[in-house]
């Protein structure tokens, strides 16, 4: 009985993770519309040392979806708080985070 419950639980968790996974392609659309003016090609026109490169994301502890979601939602001057302003909804912020991490892994 425990084995059956474990298998069912793992199946449900896997299904939930796959259906709730952020969509990097959708994130690209949102990024292009809202973020490209300051972060074209993964750069940062306001602070060059805080680009979206994998190395800079790691250095500044922004190399996780949670950290990126927090920053995009609440902002940090000069970056606006897209989530608080209602410019980007929570699901799309998750998609942007997935896109940024995917592009950083690929070297922009």
Protein backbone atom coordinates (compact mmCIF):
# COMPACT_ATOMS: atom_id res chain seq x y z
CA UNK A 1 0.00 0.00 0.00
CA UNK A 2 2.84 2.42 0.86
CA UNK A 3 4.43 1.69 -2.51
CA UNK A 4 1.23 2.52 -4.37
CA UNK A 5 0.81 5.76 -2.44
CA UNK A 6 4.44 6.70 -3.10
CA UNK A 7 4.10 6.05 -6.83
CA UNK A 8 0.88 8.06 -7.02
CA UNK A 9 2.42 10.92 -5.05
CA UNK A 10 5.51 11.03 -7.27
CA UNK A 11 3.35 10.94 -10.38
CA UNK A 12 1.25 13.85 -9.14
CA UNK A 13 4.32 15.86 -8.18
CA UNK A 14 5.90 15.27 -11.59
CA UNK A 15 2.67 16.25 -13.33
CA UNK A 16 2.33 19.40 -11.23
CA UNK A 17 5.92 20.42 -11.89
CA UNK A 18 5.56 19.94 -15.63
CA UNK A 19 2.27 21.83 -15.85
CA UNK A 20 3.38 24.63 -13.57
CA UNK A 21 6.82 25.01 -15.12
CA UNK A 22 7.62 28.46 -16.37
CA UNK A 23 7.59 29.04 -20.11
CA UNK A 24 10.88 30.52 -21.34
CA UNK A 25 9.44 31.18 -24.81
CA UNK A 26 6.62 33.24 -23.31
CA UNK A 27 9.24 34.86 -21.09
CA UNK A 28 11.13 35.97 -24.18
CA UNK A 29 8.06 37.88 -25.41
CA UNK A 30 7.62 39.60 -22.05
CA UNK A 31 11.36 40.32 -21.74
CA UNK A 32 11.47 41.83 -25.23
CA UNK A 33 8.50 44.09 -24.48
CA UNK A 34 9.52 45.22 -20.98
CA UNK A 35 13.21 44.59 -20.34
CA UNK A 36 15.06 44.85 -23.65
CA UNK A 37 15.60 48.59 -23.46
CA UNK A 38 17.97 48.15 -20.51
CA UNK A 39 19.03 44.51 -20.93
CA UNK A 40 19.56 43.97 -24.65
CA UNK A 41 21.77 40.95 -25.22
CA UNK A 42 21.89 40.29 -21.49
CA UNK A 43 23.70 43.52 -20.79
CA UNK A 44 22.74 46.18 -18.25
CA UNK A 45 22.98 49.73 -19.59
CA UNK A 46 22.55 51.22 -16.10
CA UNK A 47 25.20 49.10 -14.33
CA UNK A 48 27.57 47.19 -16.61
CA UNK A 49 28.84 44.96 -13.79
CA UNK A 50 25.33 43.72 -13.11
CA UNK A 51 24.59 42.16 -16.47
CA UNK A 52 22.46 39.07 -16.96
CA UNK A 53 25.49 36.94 -17.72
CA UNK A 54 25.76 33.71 -15.78
CA UNK A 55 28.87 34.99 -13.97
CA UNK A 56 27.27 38.30 -12.94
CA UNK A 57 24.05 36.57 -11.86
CA UNK A 58 26.12 34.23 -9.67
CA UNK A 59 28.24 37.05 -8.26
CA UNK A 60 25.18 39.05 -7.26
CA UNK A 61 23.22 36.00 -6.01
CA UNK A 62 20.63 36.43 -8.76
CA UNK A 63 21.19 33.00 -10.31
CA UNK A 64 17.88 31.46 -9.26
CA UNK A 65 14.34 31.89 -10.47
CA UNK A 66 13.30 32.95 -6.97
CA UNK A 67 15.86 35.77 -6.85
CA UNK A 68 14.95 37.05 -10.32
CA UNK A 69 11.23 36.85 -9.54
CA UNK A 70 11.79 38.86 -6.36
CA UNK A 71 13.77 41.53 -8.20
CA UNK A 72 11.37 41.86 -11.14
CA UNK A 73 8.37 41.92 -8.80
CA UNK A 74 9.70 44.42 -6.24
CA UNK A 75 12.36 46.24 -8.24
CA UNK A 76 15.55 47.86 -6.99
CA UNK A 77 16.47 51.32 -8.23
CA UNK A 78 16.91 52.08 -11.03
CA UNK A 79 14.91 48.97 -12.00
CA UNK A 80 11.15 49.41 -11.63
CA UNK A 81 8.96 47.06 -9.59
CA UNK A 82 7.16 45.50 -12.56
CA UNK A 83 5.05 43.22 -10.36
CA UNK A 84 3.99 45.89 -7.89
CA UNK A 85 3.20 48.31 -10.71
CA UNK A 86 1.04 45.67 -12.37
CA UNK A 87 3.08 45.93 -15.56
CA UNK A 88 3.90 42.20 -15.55
CA UNK A 89 1.72 39.60 -13.82
CA UNK A 90 3.18 36.93 -11.54
CA UNK A 91 3.00 34.11 -14.10
CA UNK A 92 4.79 36.20 -16.71
CA UNK A 93 7.45 37.23 -14.19
CA UNK A 94 8.13 33.51 -13.65
CA UNK A 95 8.37 33.12 -17.43
CA UNK A 96 10.85 36.01 -17.64
CA UNK A 97 12.98 34.40 -14.92
CA UNK A 98 13.01 31.13 -16.88
CA UNK A 99 14.04 32.99 -20.02
CA UNK A 100 16.82 34.94 -18.30
CA UNK A 101 18.28 31.78 -16.73
CA UNK A 102 18.05 29.88 -20.02
CA UNK A 103 19.80 32.67 -21.92
CA UNK A 104 22.44 33.09 -19.20
CA UNK A 105 23.21 29.35 -19.39
CA UNK A 106 23.53 29.68 -23.17
CA UNK A 107 25.85 32.71 -22.89
CA UNK A 108 23.31 35.17 -24.30
